[in-house]
C-alpha atoms as a PDB file:
ATOM      1  CA  MET A   1      83.793 121.103 108.032  1.00  0.00           C
ATOM      2  CA  HIS A   2      80.269 119.702 107.887  1.00  0.00           C
ATOM      3  CA  LYS A   3      78.081 119.744 110.991  1.00  0.00           C
ATOM      4  CA  ASN A   4      76.664 116.241 110.689  1.00  0.00           C
ATOM      5  CA  LEU A   5      78.280 112.866 110.132  1.00  0.00           C
ATOM      6  CA  VAL A   6      75.685 110.473 108.701  1.00  0.00           C
ATOM      7  CA  VAL A   7      76.852 106.850 108.649  1.00  0.00           C
ATOM      8  CA  ILE A   8      74.802 104.393 106.598  1.00  0.00           C
ATOM      9  CA  MET A   9      75.727 100.889 107.720  1.00  0.00           C
ATOM     10  CA  ASP A  10      74.345  97.503 108.702  1.00  0.00           C
ATOM     11  CA  ASP A  11      72.764  97.015 112.123  1.00  0.00           C
ATOM     12  CA  ILE A  12      75.157  98.352 114.733  1.00  0.00           C
ATOM     13  CA  ASP A  13      73.976  95.950 117.420  1.00  0.00           C
ATOM     14  CA  ALA A  14      75.318  93.032 115.335  1.00  0.00           C
ATOM     15  CA  ILE A  15      78.858  94.308 114.657  1.00  0.00           C
ATOM     16  CA  SER A  16      82.147  93.189 116.181  1.00  0.00           C
ATOM     17  CA  VAL A  17      83.523  96.413 117.646  1.00  0.00           C
ATOM     18  CA  VAL A  18      87.121  95.147 117.742  1.00  0.00           C
ATOM     19  CA  LYS A  19      87.284  94.901 113.948  1.00  0.00           C
ATOM     20  CA  ASP A  20      84.455  96.979 112.480  1.00  0.00           C
ATOM     21  CA  THR A  21      85.712  99.852 110.316  1.00  0.00           C
ATOM     22  CA  SER A  22      82.344 101.625 110.287  1.00  0.00           C
ATOM     23  CA  PHE A  23      82.540 101.727 114.080  1.00  0.00           C
ATOM     24  CA  ALA A  24      85.970 103.357 113.757  1.00  0.00           C
ATOM     25  CA  MET A  25      84.336 106.026 111.593  1.00  0.00           C
ATOM     26  CA  LEU A  26      81.657 106.660 114.206  1.00  0.00           C
ATOM     27  CA  LEU A  27      84.324 106.963 116.918  1.00  0.00           C
ATOM     28  CA  GLU A  28      86.436 109.404 114.910  1.00  0.00           C
ATOM     29  CA  GLY A  29      83.443 111.501 113.904  1.00  0.00           C
ATOM     30  CA  GLN A  30      82.389 111.767 117.534  1.00  0.00           C
ATOM     31  CA  ARG A  31      85.953 112.685 118.560  1.00  0.00           C
ATOM     32  CA  ARG A  32      85.997 115.479 115.973  1.00  0.00           C
ATOM     33  CA  GLY A  33      82.793 117.016 117.247  1.00  0.00           C
ATOM     34  CA  TYR A  34      80.328 116.130 114.510  1.00  0.00           C
ATOM     35  CA  ARG A  35      76.749 115.482 115.399  1.00  0.00           C
ATOM     36  CA  VAL A  36      76.746 111.782 114.556  1.00  0.00           C
ATOM     37  CA  TRP A  37      73.787 109.968 113.003  1.00  0.00           C
ATOM     38  CA  TYR A  38      73.208 106.298 112.227  1.00  0.00           C
ATOM     39  CA  LEU A  39      70.824 104.583 109.793  1.00  0.00           C
ATOM     40  CA  ASN A  40      70.411 101.635 107.425  1.00  0.00           C
ATOM     41  CA  GLU A  41      70.131 102.104 103.671  1.00  0.00           C
ATOM     42  CA  HIS A  42      66.405 101.327 103.688  1.00  0.00           C
ATOM     43  CA  HIS A  43      65.769 104.393 105.875  1.00  0.00           C
ATOM     44  CA  LEU A  44      66.437 106.708 102.910  1.00  0.00           C
ATOM     45  CA  PHE A  45      63.436 108.157 101.066  1.00  0.00           C
ATOM     46  CA  MET A  46      62.614 110.781  98.437  1.00  0.00           C
ATOM     47  CA  ASP A  47      59.720 113.215  98.659  1.00  0.00           C
ATOM     48  CA  GLY A  48      59.319 115.723  95.846  1.00  0.00           C
ATOM     49  CA  PHE A  49      62.830 114.932  94.602  1.00  0.00           C
ATOM     50  CA  ARG A  50      64.317 115.914  97.945  1.00  0.00           C
ATOM     51  CA  VAL A  51      66.107 113.083  99.681  1.00  0.00           C
ATOM     52  CA  SER A  52      65.613 112.607 103.387  1.00  0.00           C
ATOM     53  CA  ALA A  53      66.209 109.827 105.858  1.00  0.00           C
ATOM     54  CA  ARG A  54      64.940 108.499 109.136  1.00  0.00           C
ATOM     55  CA  MET A  55      68.039 108.534 111.322  1.00  0.00           C
ATOM     56  CA  TRP A  56      69.105 108.139 114.920  1.00  0.00           C
ATOM     57  CA  PRO A  57      71.506 110.363 116.878  1.00  0.00           C
ATOM     58  CA  ILE A  58      74.122 108.030 118.295  1.00  0.00           C
ATOM     59  CA  ARG A  59      76.840 107.995 120.927  1.00  0.00           C
ATOM     60  CA  VAL A  60      79.518 105.303 120.753  1.00  0.00           C
ATOM     61  CA  ARG A  61      82.009 103.909 123.244  1.00  0.00           C
ATOM     62  CA  ASP A  62      85.122 101.883 122.419  1.00  0.00           C
ATOM     63  CA  GLN A  63      84.303  98.902 124.607  1.00  0.00           C
ATOM     64  CA  SER A  64      83.160  95.322 124.120  1.00  0.00           C
ATOM     65  CA  ARG A  65      79.723  95.741 125.751  1.00  0.00           C
ATOM     66  CA  ASP A  66      77.143  98.522 125.551  1.00  0.00           C
ATOM     67  CA  TRP A  67      79.136 100.171 122.775  1.00  0.00           C
ATOM     68  CA  PHE A  68      76.391 102.517 121.605  1.00  0.00           C
ATOM     69  CA  GLU A  69      73.237 104.333 122.568  1.00  0.00           C
ATOM     70  CA  THR A  70      70.773 106.054 120.272  1.00  0.00           C
ATOM     71  CA  GLY A  71      68.349 108.899 120.836  1.00  0.00           C
ATOM     72  CA  GLU A  72      64.914 109.408 119.364  1.00  0.00           C
ATOM     73  CA  PRO A  73      64.839 109.119 115.556  1.00  0.00           C
ATOM     74  CA  VAL A  74      64.209 112.134 113.375  1.00  0.00           C
ATOM     75  CA  GLU A  75      63.366 112.535 109.699  1.00  0.00           C
ATOM     76  CA  ARG A  76      65.244 115.265 107.887  1.00  0.00           C
ATOM     77  CA  GLU A  77      66.524 116.221 104.455  1.00  0.00           C
ATOM     78  CA  LEU A  78      70.142 115.567 103.531  1.00  0.00           C
ATOM     79  CA  GLY A  79      72.013 118.637 102.362  1.00  0.00           C
ATOM     80  CA  ALA A  80      75.017 120.914 102.667  1.00  0.00           C
ATOM     81  CA  ASP A  81      75.569 120.316 106.388  1.00  0.00           C
ATOM     82  CA  ASP A  82      75.976 116.549 105.914  1.00  0.00           C
ATOM     83  CA  LEU A  83      78.997 114.337 105.411  1.00  0.00           C
ATOM     84  CA  VAL A  84      77.499 110.962 104.457  1.00  0.00           C
ATOM     85  CA  LEU A  85      79.489 107.740 104.639  1.00  0.00           C
ATOM     86  CA  MET A  86      77.879 104.929 102.651  1.00  0.00           C
ATOM     87  CA  ARG A  87      79.053 101.769 104.436  1.00  0.00           C
ATOM     88  CA  ALA A  88      76.315  99.211 103.805  1.00  0.00           C
ATOM     89  CA  ASP A  89      77.791  95.780 103.140  1.00  0.00           C
ATOM     90  CA  PRO A  90      77.281  93.893  99.858  1.00  0.00           C
ATOM     91  CA  PRO A  91      75.539  92.378  98.058  1.00  0.00           C
ATOM     92  CA  VAL A  92      75.145  95.299  95.698  1.00  0.00           C
ATOM     93  CA  ASP A  93      71.584  94.271  94.961  1.00  0.00           C
ATOM     94  CA  THR A  94      68.600  96.242  93.694  1.00  0.00           C
ATOM     95  CA  ALA A  95      67.981  97.837  97.090  1.00  0.00           C
ATOM     96  CA  TYR A  96      71.623  98.936  97.321  1.00  0.00           C
ATOM     97  CA  LEU A  97      71.595 100.363  93.794  1.00  0.00           C
ATOM     98  CA  HIS A  98      68.399 102.301  94.457  1.00  0.00           C
ATOM     99  CA  ALA A  99      70.004 103.748  97.589  1.00  0.00           C
ATOM    100  CA  THR A 100      72.911 105.056  95.500  1.00  0.00           C
ATOM    101  CA  TYR A 101      70.468 106.885  93.212  1.00  0.00           C
ATOM    102  CA  LEU A 102      68.923 108.592  96.206  1.00  0.00           C
ATOM    103  CA  LEU A 103      72.365 109.502  97.521  1.00  0.00           C
ATOM    104  CA  GLU A 104      73.180 111.080  94.162  1.00  0.00           C
ATOM    105  CA  CYS A 105      70.172 113.351  94.672  1.00  0.00           C
ATOM    106  CA  ALA A 106      71.510 114.179  98.139  1.00  0.00           C
ATOM    107  CA  GLU A 107      74.823 115.111  96.498  1.00  0.00           C
ATOM    108  CA  ARG A 108      73.018 117.538  94.220  1.00  0.00           C
ATOM    109  CA  ALA A 109      71.469 119.095  97.321  1.00  0.00           C
ATOM    110  CA  GLY A 110      74.968 119.729  98.696  1.00  0.00           C
ATOM    111  CA  ALA A 111      75.730 116.656 100.810  1.00  0.00           C
ATOM    112  CA  LYS A 112      79.227 115.164 100.600  1.00  0.00           C
ATOM    113  CA  VAL A 113      78.858 111.394 100.018  1.00  0.00           C
ATOM    114  CA  VAL A 114      81.820 109.012 100.412  1.00  0.00           C
ATOM    115  CA  ASN A 115      82.389 106.937  98.397  1.00  0.00           C
ATOM    116  CA  ARG A 116      80.700 108.668  95.447  1.00  0.00           C
ATOM    117  CA  PRO A 117      77.376 106.895  94.739  1.00  0.00           C
ATOM    118  CA  ALA A 118      78.022 106.570  91.006  1.00  0.00           C
ATOM    119  CA  ALA A 119      81.342 104.855  91.728  1.00  0.00           C
ATOM    120  CA  LEU A 120      79.674 102.390  94.076  1.00  0.00           C
ATOM    121  CA  ARG A 121      77.502 101.348  91.132  1.00  0.00           C
ATOM    122  CA  ASP A 122      80.257 101.333  88.530  1.00  0.00           C
ATOM    123  CA  PHE A 123      82.979  99.499  90.449  1.00  0.00           C
ATOM    124  CA  ASN A 124      81.930  95.914  90.954  1.00  0.00           C
ATOM    125  CA  GLU A 125      84.480  94.680  93.461  1.00  0.00           C
ATOM    126  CA  LYS A 126      85.305  91.576  91.452  1.00  0.00           C
ATOM    127  CA  LEU A 127      85.185  93.127  87.968  1.00  0.00           C
ATOM    128  CA  ALA A 128      86.946  96.455  88.589  1.00  0.00           C
ATOM    129  CA  ILE A 129      90.303  94.688  88.418  1.00  0.00           C
ATOM    130  CA  ALA A 130      89.748  94.291  84.652  1.00  0.00           C
ATOM    131  CA  ARG A 131      90.860  97.936  84.355  1.00  0.00           C
ATOM    132  CA  PHE A 132      94.365  96.700  85.219  1.00  0.00           C
ATOM    133  CA  PRO A 133      94.979  93.608  83.056  1.00  0.00           C
ATOM    134  CA  ASP A 134      98.741  93.636  83.660  1.00  0.00           C
ATOM    135  CA  LEU A 135      98.275  93.383  87.440  1.00  0.00           C
ATOM    136  CA  ILE A 136      95.762  90.557  87.789  1.00  0.00           C
ATOM    137  CA  PRO A 137      95.805  86.749  87.638  1.00  0.00           C
ATOM    138  CA  GLU A 138      94.404  84.954  84.607  1.00  0.00           C
ATOM    139  CA  THR A 139      90.667  85.580  84.903  1.00  0.00           C
ATOM    140  CA  LEU A 140      87.484  84.508  83.140  1.00  0.00           C
ATOM    141  CA  VAL A 141      83.973  85.886  83.689  1.00  0.00           C
ATOM    142  CA  ALA A 142      81.227  83.805  82.098  1.00  0.00           C
ATOM    143  CA  SER A 143      77.878  82.129  82.681  1.00  0.00           C
ATOM    144  CA  ASP A 144      78.492  79.272  80.214  1.00  0.00           C
ATOM    145  CA  PRO A 145      79.295  76.138  82.274  1.00  0.00           C
ATOM    146  CA  GLU A 146      81.390  74.614  79.493  1.00  0.00           C
ATOM    147  CA  ARG A 147      83.529  77.730  79.238  1.00  0.00           C
ATOM    148  CA  LEU A 148      84.100  77.770  82.997  1.00  0.00           C
ATOM    149  CA  ARG A 149      84.905  74.077  83.071  1.00  0.00           C
ATOM    150  CA  ALA A 150      87.392  74.505  80.205  1.00  0.00           C
ATOM    151  CA  PHE A 151      89.149  77.240  82.203  1.00  0.00           C
ATOM    152  CA  VAL A 152      89.547  74.909  85.190  1.00  0.00           C
ATOM    153  CA  GLU A 153      90.746  72.061  82.985  1.00  0.00           C
ATOM    154  CA  ARG A 154      93.306  74.286  81.302  1.00  0.00           C
ATOM    155  CA  ARG A 155      94.681  75.532  84.623  1.00  0.00           C
ATOM    156  CA  GLY A 156      94.320  72.235  86.499  1.00  0.00           C
ATOM    157  CA  LYS A 157      93.259  74.166  89.608  1.00  0.00           C
ATOM    158  CA  ALA A 158      91.278  77.407  89.896  1.00  0.00           C
ATOM    159  CA  ILE A 159      89.151  79.629  92.097  1.00  0.00           C
ATOM    160  CA  LEU A 160      85.438  80.014  91.311  1.00  0.00           C
ATOM    161  CA  LYS A 161      83.332  82.719  92.946  1.00  0.00           C
ATOM    162  CA  PRO A 162      80.193  84.825  92.480  1.00  0.00           C
ATOM    163  CA  LEU A 163      80.385  88.484  91.456  1.00  0.00           C
ATOM    164  CA  ASP A 164      78.360  89.795  94.388  1.00  0.00           C
ATOM    165  CA  GLY A 165      79.807  88.039  97.428  1.00  0.00           C
ATOM    166  CA  MET A 166      81.917  89.251 100.338  1.00  0.00           C
ATOM    167  CA  GLY A 167      83.846  87.819 103.245  1.00  0.00           C
ATOM    168  CA  GLY A 168      84.799  84.673 101.349  1.00  0.00           C
ATOM    169  CA  HIS A 169      81.190  83.601 100.844  1.00  0.00           C
ATOM    170  CA  SER A 170      80.696  80.919  98.143  1.00  0.00           C
ATOM    171  CA  ILE A 171      84.321  80.892  96.997  1.00  0.00           C
ATOM    172  CA  PHE A 172      85.441  77.479  95.741  1.00  0.00           C
ATOM    173  CA  LEU A 173      88.884  76.022  95.126  1.00  0.00           C
ATOM    174  CA  VAL A 174      88.378  73.397  92.418  1.00  0.00           C
ATOM    175  CA  GLU A 175      90.450  70.965  90.401  1.00  0.00           C
ATOM    176  CA  ALA A 176      89.702  69.565  86.973  1.00  0.00           C
ATOM    177  CA  ALA A 177      89.121  66.066  88.366  1.00  0.00           C
ATOM    178  CA  ASP A 178      86.805  67.221  91.146  1.00  0.00           C
ATOM    179  CA  PRO A 179      83.564  65.187  90.827  1.00  0.00           C
ATOM    180  CA  ASN A 180      81.686  68.181  92.263  1.00  0.00           C
ATOM    181  CA  LEU A 181      82.919  70.624  89.609  1.00  0.00           C
ATOM    182  CA  ASN A 182      79.751  70.529  87.506  1.00  0.00           C
ATOM    183  CA  VAL A 183      77.427  71.101  90.438  1.00  0.00           C
ATOM    184  CA  ILE A 184      79.619  73.924  91.776  1.00  0.00           C
ATOM    185  CA  ILE A 185      79.437  75.675  88.401  1.00  0.00           C
ATOM    186  CA  GLU A 186      75.690  75.066  88.201  1.00  0.00           C
ATOM    187  CA  THR A 187      75.241  76.487  91.703  1.00  0.00           C
ATOM    188  CA  LEU A 188      77.206  79.639  90.898  1.00  0.00           C
ATOM    189  CA  THR A 189      75.656  80.323  87.497  1.00  0.00           C
ATOM    190  CA  ALA A 190      72.140  78.859  87.731  1.00  0.00           C
ATOM    191  CA  GLY A 191      72.457  78.628  83.957  1.00  0.00           C
ATOM    192  CA  ARG A 192      72.571  82.394  83.386  1.00  0.00           C
ATOM    193  CA  ARG A 193      74.392  84.241  86.184  1.00  0.00           C
ATOM    194  CA  LEU A 194      77.928  85.393  85.508  1.00  0.00           C
ATOM    195  CA  ALA A 195      80.624  83.875  87.704  1.00  0.00           C
ATOM    196  CA  LEU A 196      84.329  84.531  87.998  1.00  0.00           C
ATOM    197  CA  ALA A 197      87.051  81.942  87.462  1.00  0.00           C
ATOM    198  CA  GLN A 198      90.538  82.915  88.481  1.00  0.00           C
ATOM    199  CA  GLU A 199      93.973  81.367  88.401  1.00  0.00           C
ATOM    200  CA  TYR A 200      94.837  79.750  91.738  1.00  0.00           C
ATOM    201  CA  LEU A 201      97.740  81.587  93.348  1.00  0.00           C
ATOM    202  CA  PRO A 202      99.693  79.347  95.742  1.00  0.00           C
ATOM    203  CA  GLU A 203     101.050  82.484  97.447  1.00  0.00           C
ATOM    204  CA  ILE A 204      97.716  82.566  99.321  1.00  0.00           C
ATOM    205  CA  ARG A 205      99.521  80.419 101.902  1.00  0.00           C
ATOM    206  CA  ASP A 206     101.470  83.551 102.859  1.00  0.00           C
ATOM    207  CA  GLY A 207      98.310  85.627 103.126  1.00  0.00           C
ATOM    208  CA  ASP A 208      95.632  87.459 101.181  1.00  0.00           C
ATOM    209  CA  LYS A 209      96.945  90.990 101.678  1.00  0.00           C
ATOM    210  CA  ARG A 210      94.563  93.888 102.319  1.00  0.00           C
ATOM    211  CA  VAL A 211      96.072  97.227 101.312  1.00  0.00           C
ATOM    212  CA  LEU A 212      93.992 100.255 102.291  1.00  0.00           C
ATOM    213  CA  LEU A 213      94.016 103.415 100.159  1.00  0.00           C
ATOM    214  CA  VAL A 214      93.053 106.854 101.447  1.00  0.00           C
ATOM    215  CA  HIS A 215      92.525 109.374  98.628  1.00  0.00           C
ATOM    216  CA  GLY A 216      94.515 107.096  96.337  1.00  0.00           C
ATOM    217  CA  ARG A 217      97.501 106.762  98.659  1.00  0.00           C
ATOM    218  CA  PRO A 218      98.319 103.463 100.367  1.00  0.00           C
ATOM    219  CA  VAL A 219      98.475 103.143 104.128  1.00  0.00           C
ATOM    220  CA  GLU A 220     102.033 102.224 105.105  1.00  0.00           C
ATOM    221  CA  TYR A 221     100.951  98.924 106.646  1.00  0.00           C
ATOM    222  CA  LEU A 222      98.836  96.064 105.320  1.00  0.00           C
ATOM    223  CA  LEU A 223      96.956  93.191 106.913  1.00  0.00           C
ATOM    224  CA  ALA A 224      97.866  89.747 105.594  1.00  0.00           C
ATOM    225  CA  ARG A 225      94.937  87.402 106.143  1.00  0.00           C
ATOM    226  CA  ILE A 226      96.422  83.937 106.450  1.00  0.00           C
ATOM    227  CA  PRO A 227      94.229  80.856 105.892  1.00  0.00           C
ATOM    228  CA  GLY A 228      93.596  78.486 108.762  1.00  0.00           C
ATOM    229  CA  GLU A 229      94.577  74.831 108.659  1.00  0.00           C
ATOM    230  CA  ARG A 230      91.211  73.665 107.311  1.00  0.00           C
ATOM    231  CA  ASP A 231      90.450  76.361 104.740  1.00  0.00           C
ATOM    232  CA  PHE A 232      92.150  77.864 101.695  1.00  0.00           C
ATOM    233  CA  ARG A 233      90.462  81.258 102.236  1.00  0.00           C
ATOM    234  CA  GLY A 234      92.241  83.962 104.169  1.00  0.00           C
ATOM    235  CA  ASN A 235      89.109  85.954 105.016  1.00  0.00           C
ATOM    236  CA  LEU A 236      88.922  86.741 108.722  1.00  0.00           C
ATOM    237  CA  ALA A 237      85.225  85.869 108.604  1.00  0.00           C
ATOM    238  CA  ARG A 238      86.236  82.342 107.514  1.00  0.00           C
ATOM    239  CA  GLY A 239      88.786  81.664 110.210  1.00  0.00           C
ATOM    240  CA  GLY A 240      91.787  83.410 108.687  1.00  0.00           C
ATOM    241  CA  ARG A 241      94.418  84.959 110.934  1.00  0.00           C
ATOM    242  CA  GLY A 242      95.353  88.618 110.513  1.00  0.00           C
ATOM    243  CA  GLU A 243      99.014  89.612 110.538  1.00  0.00           C
ATOM    244  CA  GLY A 244     100.083  93.232 110.172  1.00  0.00           C
ATOM    245  CA  ARG A 245     103.084  93.948 107.951  1.00  0.00           C
ATOM    246  CA  PRO A 246     104.841  96.959 106.464  1.00  0.00           C
ATOM    247  CA  LEU A 247     103.805  97.654 102.896  1.00  0.00           C
ATOM    248  CA  GLY A 248     106.079  95.822 100.459  1.00  0.00           C
ATOM    249  CA  ALA A 249     107.518  97.277  97.264  1.00  0.00           C
ATOM    250  CA  GLY A 250     105.279  95.148  95.028  1.00  0.00           C
ATOM    251  CA  ASP A 251     102.183  96.026  97.025  1.00  0.00           C
ATOM    252  CA  ARG A 252     103.056  99.718  96.827  1.00  0.00           C
ATOM    253  CA  ALA A 253     103.535  99.538  93.069  1.00  0.00           C
ATOM    254  CA  ILE A 254     100.068  98.010  92.629  1.00  0.00           C
ATOM    255  CA  ALA A 255      98.493 100.607  94.947  1.00  0.00           C
ATOM    256  CA  GLU A 256     100.179 103.480  93.125  1.00  0.00           C
ATOM    257  CA  ALA A 257      98.927 102.147  89.790  1.00  0.00           C
ATOM    258  CA  VAL A 258      95.328 101.824  91.011  1.00  0.00           C
ATOM    259  CA  GLY A 259      95.082 104.882  93.277  1.00  0.00           C
ATOM    260  CA  PRO A 260      94.793 107.709  90.711  1.00  0.00           C
ATOM    261  CA  MET A 261      91.914 105.983  88.915  1.00  0.00           C
ATOM    262  CA  LEU A 262      90.039 105.610  92.201  1.00  0.00           C
ATOM    263  CA  VAL A 263      90.439 109.287  93.106  1.00  0.00           C
ATOM    264  CA  GLU A 264      89.369 110.341  89.611  1.00  0.00           C
ATOM    265  CA  ASN A 265      86.104 108.468  90.139  1.00  0.00           C
ATOM    266  CA  GLY A 266      85.383 109.714  93.652  1.00  0.00           C
ATOM    267  CA  ILE A 267      86.542 106.678  95.617  1.00  0.00           C
ATOM    268  CA  GLU A 268      88.228 108.157  98.668  1.00  0.00           C
ATOM    269  CA  PHE A 269      88.549 104.947 100.678  1.00  0.00           C
ATOM    270  CA  ALA A 270      89.247 101.526  99.180  1.00  0.00           C
ATOM    271  CA  GLY A 271      90.812  98.189  99.986  1.00  0.00           C
ATOM    272  CA  LEU A 272      92.909  96.244  97.517  1.00  0.00           C
ATOM    273  CA  ASP A 273      93.215  92.472  97.845  1.00  0.00           C
ATOM    274  CA  ILE A 274      96.620  91.246  96.691  1.00  0.00           C
ATOM    275  CA  ILE A 275      97.918  87.673  96.610  1.00  0.00           C
ATOM    276  CA  GLY A 276     101.611  87.429  95.890  1.00  0.00           C
ATOM    277  CA  GLU A 277     102.142  90.110  93.244  1.00  0.00           C
ATOM    278  CA  ARG A 278      98.638  89.932  91.745  1.00  0.00           C
ATOM    279  CA  LEU A 279      95.620  92.182  92.327  1.00  0.00           C
ATOM    280  CA  THR A 280      92.494  90.065  92.923  1.00  0.00           C
ATOM    281  CA  GLU A 281      89.801  92.534  94.099  1.00  0.00           C
ATOM    282  CA  ILE A 282      89.140  96.244  94.618  1.00  0.00           C
ATOM    283  CA  ASN A 283      86.855  96.775  97.605  1.00  0.00           C
ATOM    284  CA  VAL A 284      84.913 100.059  97.564  1.00  0.00           C
ATOM    285  CA  THR A 285      81.638  99.419  99.408  1.00  0.00           C
ATOM    286  CA  SER A 286      82.777  98.746 102.981  1.00  0.00           C
ATOM    287  CA  PRO A 287      86.523  98.053 103.148  1.00  0.00           C
ATOM    288  CA  THR A 288      87.684  96.652 106.476  1.00  0.00           C
ATOM    289  CA  CYS A 289      90.886  95.977 108.488  1.00  0.00           C
ATOM    290  CA  VAL A 290      91.273  99.500 109.892  1.00  0.00           C
ATOM    291  CA  ARG A 291      90.829  98.485 113.517  1.00  0.00           C
ATOM    292  CA  GLU A 292      93.395  95.712 113.309  1.00  0.00           C
ATOM    293  CA  LEU A 293      96.050  97.941 111.725  1.00  0.00           C
ATOM    294  CA  ASP A 294      95.370 100.867 114.043  1.00  0.00           C
ATOM    295  CA  ARG A 295      95.724  98.633 117.069  1.00  0.00           C
ATOM    296  CA  GLU A 296      98.904  96.876 115.925  1.00  0.00           C
ATOM    297  CA  PHE A 297     100.815  99.903 114.659  1.00  0.00           C
ATOM    298  CA  GLY A 298      99.440 102.772 116.764  1.00  0.00           C
ATOM    299  CA  ILE A 299      98.009 104.687 113.804  1.00  0.00           C
ATOM    300  CA  ASN A 300      94.628 106.259 113.033  1.00  0.00           C
ATOM    301  CA  ILE A 301      93.646 105.562 109.436  1.00  0.00           C
ATOM    302  CA  ILE A 302      90.187 107.102 109.685  1.00  0.00           C
ATOM    303  CA  SER A 303      91.657 110.343 111.027  1.00  0.00           C
ATOM    304  CA  ASP A 304      93.722 110.515 107.839  1.00  0.00           C
ATOM    305  CA  LEU A 305      90.565 109.882 105.820  1.00  0.00           C
ATOM    306  CA  PHE A 306      88.638 112.678 107.543  1.00  0.00           C
ATOM    307  CA  ASP A 307      91.549 115.064 107.021  1.00  0.00           C
ATOM    308  CA  VAL A 308      91.112 114.524 103.274  1.00  0.00           C
ATOM    309  CA  ILE A 309      87.351 114.353 102.828  1.00  0.00           C
ATOM    310  CA  ASP A 310      86.330 117.085 105.281  1.00  0.00           C
ATOM    311  CA  PRO A 311      89.306 119.332 106.108  1.00  0.00           C
END
């Protein structure tokens, strides 16, 4: 077992403790007796090809107010004593990619980094589903407005979204006759950016299902994120309602098909998005929904994760 748990995440003072999975990781690390450290990705630096970070010792409390306190920051090299959890939210922009290169250097110095930095670069959360063509909805990725419009016209109704979003940001449900279709496509592509067009799945009314995988194995329960009355998106950040359910046979089959490939590439913790019987995304940067499932079913998903990554 490593001595230090180093959690790289967004600002902790801005999280919602009742649903933040990174907070669950801090709590479990503290419970297990690690010395727990907190930092943002921009606190990493390299000096002489040795990767260090400015980090804060942190204590956390599972309560709605005053949920953390930090000590004085220190700067130290990352190495064999460190279990590093990379939990910074998308977008996977230049700053994020550069952070993964530094974390690869930390790996070479002996640190255990989860998920593997190279995998965080290689697995775009929208595009990784292309590895499983038999499991996904009809999908087009293109920057050509005419090609995207033709996809919508052929389907009659479709989903359009950027390749670097999260939490339902900038996802559009469009129809061929929508007078805003051209401007939506222009906004997404700006003439040269790739965007994703996907078959609309009416099963979204029953929930956008989040299936969590720990070391390639699905958690026995999923969270169905059900759209509100005024939105087609199930994302909790967009007003969706979370409903815990036992894992269904179709969901399990998808998870068991995807899981081995994730483990092979060093992705120990992932979240699959499934609508109906179709895989729509593979989340590897900062999968969520742990707190909701733990609370509803009396389980501890992050304990299972730690058992695997740092026995």
